Amino acid sequence: MAELTTLARPYAKAAFEYADAANGLDTWSKALQELAVVVGDEKVASALSNPLATTEQHAQILIDLMGEDLDAKMQNFVRNMADNKRIALFGEISQLFDLMKANREQVLDVKLQTAFDMNDDQQSKLADALSKNLNRNVSLEVETDNSLIGGALIHAGDTLIDGSVKGRLTKLKDAIAH
């Protein structure tokens, strides 16, 4: 996985820099996400792995499938990826691009798992508090998980804050066992 990310990084960076300069971050993000889905399709992957097809034919398959969703610059990007035999990297490129976009926009996606439902006011207050503490705009996704018993788990990027009763009981169990 790290190897694919390493290969994808320069392409994601180039796409991001172009899209940022052209004020097209949202458009490019959407197109890269769609390309990742298309390339991940079993039938498309089979067609793209045909060794008898040229890189131009591989690129044209994607361009035709995407239709009007790809402007001329995006089509050139797809051709470049095909020429360098990197079409399989669109999933990683899309993820890296979206990460760069979120960093630029100072947005952080936060997943909140709670033992009980939270109303809109509670969610808003929590999102505001997280925004202040993390110095980012927070996009909050809330999920109810009764197995937590009480409290909540907050996943913010690579940070996990475990304020659940289940988590505390597990820590207590581990402390007693050692």
C-alpha atoms as a PDB file:
ATOM      1  CA  MET A   1       0.000   0.000   0.000  1.00  0.00           C
ATOM      2  CA  ALA A   2       2.771   2.424   0.915  1.00  0.00           C
ATOM      3  CA  GLU A   3       4.448   1.592  -2.384  1.00  0.00           C
ATOM      4  CA  LEU A   4       1.316   2.546  -4.354  1.00  0.00           C
ATOM      5  CA  THR A   5       1.020   5.760  -2.370  1.00  0.00           C
ATOM      6  CA  THR A   6       4.642   6.583  -3.141  1.00  0.00           C
ATOM      7  CA  LEU A   7       4.020   6.028  -6.861  1.00  0.00           C
ATOM      8  CA  ALA A   8       0.765   8.019  -6.797  1.00  0.00           C
ATOM      9  CA  ARG A   9       2.048  11.024  -4.833  1.00  0.00           C
ATOM     10  CA  PRO A  10       3.764  12.933  -7.710  1.00  0.00           C
ATOM     11  CA  TYR A  11       0.702  12.519  -9.937  1.00  0.00           C
ATOM     12  CA  ALA A  12      -1.651  13.645  -7.180  1.00  0.00           C
ATOM     13  CA  LYS A  13       0.580  16.627  -6.463  1.00  0.00           C
ATOM     14  CA  ALA A  14       0.740  17.631 -10.128  1.00  0.00           C
ATOM     15  CA  ALA A  15      -3.034  17.327 -10.501  1.00  0.00           C
ATOM     16  CA  PHE A  16      -3.580  19.273  -7.290  1.00  0.00           C
ATOM     17  CA  GLU A  17      -1.232  22.101  -8.262  1.00  0.00           C
ATOM     18  CA  TYR A  18      -2.863  22.454 -11.672  1.00  0.00           C
ATOM     19  CA  ALA A  19      -6.413  22.275 -10.279  1.00  0.00           C
ATOM     20  CA  ASP A  20      -5.586  24.749  -7.510  1.00  0.00           C
ATOM     21  CA  ALA A  21      -4.102  27.261  -9.973  1.00  0.00           C
ATOM     22  CA  ALA A  22      -7.129  26.857 -12.252  1.00  0.00           C
ATOM     23  CA  ASN A  23      -9.624  27.171  -9.339  1.00  0.00           C
ATOM     24  CA  GLY A  24     -10.885  23.696 -10.162  1.00  0.00           C
ATOM     25  CA  LEU A  25     -10.246  21.705  -6.994  1.00  0.00           C
ATOM     26  CA  ASP A  26     -13.845  20.496  -6.666  1.00  0.00           C
ATOM     27  CA  THR A  27     -14.114  19.537 -10.340  1.00  0.00           C
ATOM     28  CA  TRP A  28     -10.828  17.636 -10.312  1.00  0.00           C
ATOM     29  CA  SER A  29     -11.659  15.953  -7.013  1.00  0.00           C
ATOM     30  CA  LYS A  30     -14.954  14.682  -8.408  1.00  0.00           C
ATOM     31  CA  ALA A  31     -13.354  13.508 -11.664  1.00  0.00           C
ATOM     32  CA  LEU A  32     -10.555  11.673  -9.838  1.00  0.00           C
ATOM     33  CA  GLN A  33     -13.061   9.977  -7.546  1.00  0.00           C
ATOM     34  CA  GLU A  34     -15.084   8.862 -10.559  1.00  0.00           C
ATOM     35  CA  LEU A  35     -11.958   7.640 -12.353  1.00  0.00           C
ATOM     36  CA  ALA A  36     -11.027   5.619  -9.260  1.00  0.00           C
ATOM     37  CA  VAL A  37     -14.451   3.964  -9.288  1.00  0.00           C
ATOM     38  CA  VAL A  38     -14.306   3.267 -13.028  1.00  0.00           C
ATOM     39  CA  VAL A  39     -10.775   1.805 -12.850  1.00  0.00           C
ATOM     40  CA  GLY A  40     -11.840  -0.323  -9.876  1.00  0.00           C
ATOM     41  CA  ASP A  41     -14.691  -1.887 -11.853  1.00  0.00           C
ATOM     42  CA  GLU A  42     -13.966  -5.537 -12.632  1.00  0.00           C
ATOM     43  CA  LYS A  43     -14.885  -5.343 -16.328  1.00  0.00           C
ATOM     44  CA  VAL A  44     -12.924  -2.134 -16.885  1.00  0.00           C
ATOM     45  CA  ALA A  45      -9.910  -3.515 -15.028  1.00  0.00           C
ATOM     46  CA  SER A  46     -10.022  -6.569 -17.278  1.00  0.00           C
ATOM     47  CA  ALA A  47     -10.115  -4.407 -20.413  1.00  0.00           C
ATOM     48  CA  LEU A  48      -7.280  -2.234 -19.111  1.00  0.00           C
ATOM     49  CA  SER A  49      -5.098  -5.259 -18.373  1.00  0.00           C
ATOM     50  CA  ASN A  50      -5.265  -6.463 -21.981  1.00  0.00           C
ATOM     51  CA  PRO A  51      -1.609  -6.617 -23.044  1.00  0.00           C
ATOM     52  CA  LEU A  52      -2.545  -6.350 -26.733  1.00  0.00           C
ATOM     53  CA  ALA A  53      -4.101  -2.904 -26.263  1.00  0.00           C
ATOM     54  CA  THR A  54      -1.907   0.176 -26.563  1.00  0.00           C
ATOM     55  CA  THR A  55      -1.614   2.772 -23.829  1.00  0.00           C
ATOM     56  CA  GLU A  56      -3.602   5.147 -26.048  1.00  0.00           C
ATOM     57  CA  GLN A  57      -6.389   2.571 -26.265  1.00  0.00           C
ATOM     58  CA  HIS A  58      -6.344   2.196 -22.472  1.00  0.00           C
ATOM     59  CA  ALA A  59      -6.622   5.962 -22.077  1.00  0.00           C
ATOM     60  CA  GLN A  60      -9.398   6.148 -24.666  1.00  0.00           C
ATOM     61  CA  ILE A  61     -11.407   3.490 -22.819  1.00  0.00           C
ATOM     62  CA  LEU A  62     -11.409   5.675 -19.700  1.00  0.00           C
ATOM     63  CA  ILE A  63     -12.057   8.887 -21.614  1.00  0.00           C
ATOM     64  CA  ASP A  64     -15.012   7.295 -23.425  1.00  0.00           C
ATOM     65  CA  LEU A  65     -16.443   5.872 -20.201  1.00  0.00           C
ATOM     66  CA  MET A  66     -16.148   9.202 -18.401  1.00  0.00           C
ATOM     67  CA  GLY A  67     -17.726  11.144 -21.253  1.00  0.00           C
ATOM     68  CA  GLU A  68     -18.261  14.838 -20.635  1.00  0.00           C
ATOM     69  CA  ASP A  69     -17.004  14.557 -17.048  1.00  0.00           C
ATOM     70  CA  LEU A  70     -13.439  14.999 -18.325  1.00  0.00           C
ATOM     71  CA  ASP A  71     -12.342  18.285 -19.859  1.00  0.00           C
ATOM     72  CA  ALA A  72      -9.331  18.479 -22.199  1.00  0.00           C
ATOM     73  CA  LYS A  73      -6.812  18.893 -19.350  1.00  0.00           C
ATOM     74  CA  MET A  74      -8.225  15.907 -17.481  1.00  0.00           C
ATOM     75  CA  GLN A  75      -8.133  13.838 -20.668  1.00  0.00           C
ATOM     76  CA  ASN A  76      -4.458  14.759 -21.056  1.00  0.00           C
ATOM     77  CA  PHE A  77      -3.886  13.675 -17.469  1.00  0.00           C
ATOM     78  CA  VAL A  78      -5.527  10.306 -18.207  1.00  0.00           C
ATOM     79  CA  ARG A  79      -3.350   9.907 -21.323  1.00  0.00           C
ATOM     80  CA  ASN A  80      -0.249  10.744 -19.285  1.00  0.00           C
ATOM     81  CA  MET A  81      -1.222   8.155 -16.680  1.00  0.00           C
ATOM     82  CA  ALA A  82      -1.744   5.556 -19.413  1.00  0.00           C
ATOM     83  CA  ASP A  83       1.568   6.395 -21.105  1.00  0.00           C
ATOM     84  CA  ASN A  84       3.344   5.871 -17.776  1.00  0.00           C
ATOM     85  CA  LYS A  85       1.338   2.691 -17.076  1.00  0.00           C
ATOM     86  CA  ARG A  86      -0.124   4.203 -13.904  1.00  0.00           C
ATOM     87  CA  ILE A  87      -3.871   3.934 -14.550  1.00  0.00           C
ATOM     88  CA  ALA A  88      -4.231   1.525 -11.624  1.00  0.00           C
ATOM     89  CA  LEU A  89      -3.189   4.364  -9.276  1.00  0.00           C
ATOM     90  CA  PHE A  90      -6.328   6.481  -9.699  1.00  0.00           C
ATOM     91  CA  GLY A  91      -7.716   5.299  -6.325  1.00  0.00           C
ATOM     92  CA  GLU A  92      -4.587   6.375  -4.455  1.00  0.00           C
ATOM     93  CA  ILE A  93      -4.301   9.586  -6.490  1.00  0.00           C
ATOM     94  CA  SER A  94      -7.887  10.486  -5.638  1.00  0.00           C
ATOM     95  CA  GLN A  95      -7.304   9.896  -1.916  1.00  0.00           C
ATOM     96  CA  LEU A  96      -4.081  11.923  -1.873  1.00  0.00           C
ATOM     97  CA  PHE A  97      -5.677  14.716  -3.903  1.00  0.00           C
ATOM     98  CA  ASP A  98      -8.616  14.926  -1.479  1.00  0.00           C
ATOM     99  CA  LEU A  99      -6.221  14.983   1.477  1.00  0.00           C
ATOM    100  CA  MET A 100      -4.291  17.890  -0.087  1.00  0.00           C
ATOM    101  CA  LYS A 101      -7.598  19.637  -0.814  1.00  0.00           C
ATOM    102  CA  ALA A 102      -8.781  19.209   2.787  1.00  0.00           C
ATOM    103  CA  ASN A 103      -5.466  20.564   4.083  1.00  0.00           C
ATOM    104  CA  ARG A 104      -5.698  23.568   1.784  1.00  0.00           C
ATOM    105  CA  GLU A 105      -9.270  24.266   2.811  1.00  0.00           C
ATOM    106  CA  GLN A 106      -8.462  23.625   6.485  1.00  0.00           C
ATOM    107  CA  VAL A 107     -11.241  21.017   6.660  1.00  0.00           C
ATOM    108  CA  LEU A 108     -11.108  17.873   8.734  1.00  0.00           C
ATOM    109  CA  ASP A 109     -13.565  15.001   8.389  1.00  0.00           C
ATOM    110  CA  VAL A 110     -14.446  13.720  11.842  1.00  0.00           C
ATOM    111  CA  LYS A 111     -16.332  10.508  12.488  1.00  0.00           C
ATOM    112  CA  LEU A 112     -18.179  10.425  15.790  1.00  0.00           C
ATOM    113  CA  GLN A 113     -19.504   7.168  17.196  1.00  0.00           C
ATOM    114  CA  THR A 114     -21.843   7.657  20.137  1.00  0.00           C
ATOM    115  CA  ALA A 115     -23.681   5.238  22.391  1.00  0.00           C
ATOM    116  CA  PHE A 116     -26.860   7.310  22.058  1.00  0.00           C
ATOM    117  CA  ASP A 117     -28.403   9.551  19.407  1.00  0.00           C
ATOM    118  CA  MET A 118     -27.329  13.201  19.470  1.00  0.00           C
ATOM    119  CA  ASN A 119     -29.661  15.998  18.431  1.00  0.00           C
ATOM    120  CA  ASP A 120     -28.615  18.678  15.938  1.00  0.00           C
ATOM    121  CA  ASP A 121     -27.799  21.196  18.668  1.00  0.00           C
ATOM    122  CA  GLN A 122     -25.459  18.775  20.444  1.00  0.00           C
ATOM    123  CA  GLN A 123     -23.765  17.886  17.165  1.00  0.00           C
ATOM    124  CA  SER A 124     -23.325  21.552  16.315  1.00  0.00           C
ATOM    125  CA  LYS A 125     -21.789  22.341  19.721  1.00  0.00           C
ATOM    126  CA  LEU A 126     -19.402  19.398  19.442  1.00  0.00           C
ATOM    127  CA  ALA A 127     -18.387  20.392  15.893  1.00  0.00           C
ATOM    128  CA  ASP A 128     -17.715  23.964  17.092  1.00  0.00           C
ATOM    129  CA  ALA A 129     -15.616  22.751  20.023  1.00  0.00           C
ATOM    130  CA  LEU A 130     -13.608  20.410  17.782  1.00  0.00           C
ATOM    131  CA  SER A 131     -13.105  23.206  15.235  1.00  0.00           C
ATOM    132  CA  LYS A 132     -11.652  25.460  17.924  1.00  0.00           C
ATOM    133  CA  ASN A 133      -9.391  22.745  19.374  1.00  0.00           C
ATOM    134  CA  LEU A 134      -8.155  21.468  16.001  1.00  0.00           C
ATOM    135  CA  ASN A 135      -7.958  24.865  14.250  1.00  0.00           C
ATOM    136  CA  ARG A 136      -9.884  23.494  11.285  1.00  0.00           C
ATOM    137  CA  ASN A 137     -13.384  23.501   9.939  1.00  0.00           C
ATOM    138  CA  VAL A 138     -14.888  20.194  11.013  1.00  0.00           C
ATOM    139  CA  SER A 139     -17.173  18.083   8.891  1.00  0.00           C
ATOM    140  CA  LEU A 140     -18.917  15.802  11.381  1.00  0.00           C
ATOM    141  CA  GLU A 141     -20.308  12.361  10.522  1.00  0.00           C
ATOM    142  CA  VAL A 142     -22.289  10.871  13.406  1.00  0.00           C
ATOM    143  CA  GLU A 143     -23.036   7.192  13.913  1.00  0.00           C
ATOM    144  CA  THR A 144     -24.806   5.507  16.830  1.00  0.00           C
ATOM    145  CA  ASP A 145     -23.089   2.399  18.240  1.00  0.00           C
ATOM    146  CA  ASN A 146     -24.916   0.866  21.217  1.00  0.00           C
ATOM    147  CA  SER A 147     -21.944  -1.427  21.967  1.00  0.00           C
ATOM    148  CA  LEU A 148     -20.066   1.590  23.388  1.00  0.00           C
ATOM    149  CA  ILE A 149     -22.404   1.438  26.423  1.00  0.00           C
ATOM    150  CA  GLY A 150     -21.930   5.176  27.016  1.00  0.00           C
ATOM    151  CA  GLY A 151     -19.749   8.062  25.844  1.00  0.00           C
ATOM    152  CA  ALA A 152     -18.235   8.393  22.380  1.00  0.00           C
ATOM    153  CA  LEU A 153     -15.344   7.639  20.026  1.00  0.00           C
ATOM    154  CA  ILE A 154     -13.983  10.490  17.926  1.00  0.00           C
ATOM    155  CA  HIS A 155     -11.941   9.693  14.806  1.00  0.00           C
ATOM    156  CA  ALA A 156     -10.245  12.879  13.547  1.00  0.00           C
ATOM    157  CA  GLY A 157      -7.724  12.082  10.825  1.00  0.00           C
ATOM    158  CA  ASP A 158      -5.239   9.677  12.411  1.00  0.00           C
ATOM    159  CA  THR A 159      -6.266  10.689  15.942  1.00  0.00           C
ATOM    160  CA  LEU A 160      -8.645   8.574  18.011  1.00  0.00           C
ATOM    161  CA  ILE A 161     -10.204   9.949  21.186  1.00  0.00           C
ATOM    162  CA  ASP A 162     -11.869   7.163  23.148  1.00  0.00           C
ATOM    163  CA  GLY A 163     -14.306   8.559  25.665  1.00  0.00           C
ATOM    164  CA  SER A 164     -16.513   5.481  25.693  1.00  0.00           C
ATOM    165  CA  VAL A 165     -17.461   3.394  28.705  1.00  0.00           C
ATOM    166  CA  LYS A 166     -16.476   0.306  26.709  1.00  0.00           C
ATOM    167  CA  GLY A 167     -12.985   1.769  26.162  1.00  0.00           C
ATOM    168  CA  ARG A 168     -12.600   2.594  29.842  1.00  0.00           C
ATOM    169  CA  LEU A 169     -13.708  -0.910  30.864  1.00  0.00           C
ATOM    170  CA  THR A 170     -11.178  -2.409  28.446  1.00  0.00           C
ATOM    171  CA  LYS A 171      -8.382  -0.258  29.932  1.00  0.00           C
ATOM    172  CA  LEU A 172      -9.425  -1.283  33.447  1.00  0.00           C
ATOM    173  CA  LYS A 173      -9.466  -4.959  32.435  1.00  0.00           C
ATOM    174  CA  ASP A 174      -5.980  -4.643  30.924  1.00  0.00           C
ATOM    175  CA  ALA A 175      -4.665  -2.880  34.037  1.00  0.00           C
ATOM    176  CA  ILE A 176      -6.015  -5.592  36.309  1.00  0.00           C
ATOM    177  CA  ALA A 177      -4.640  -8.373  34.076  1.00  0.00           C
ATOM    178  CA  HIS A 178      -1.101  -6.986  34.217  1.00  0.00           C
END
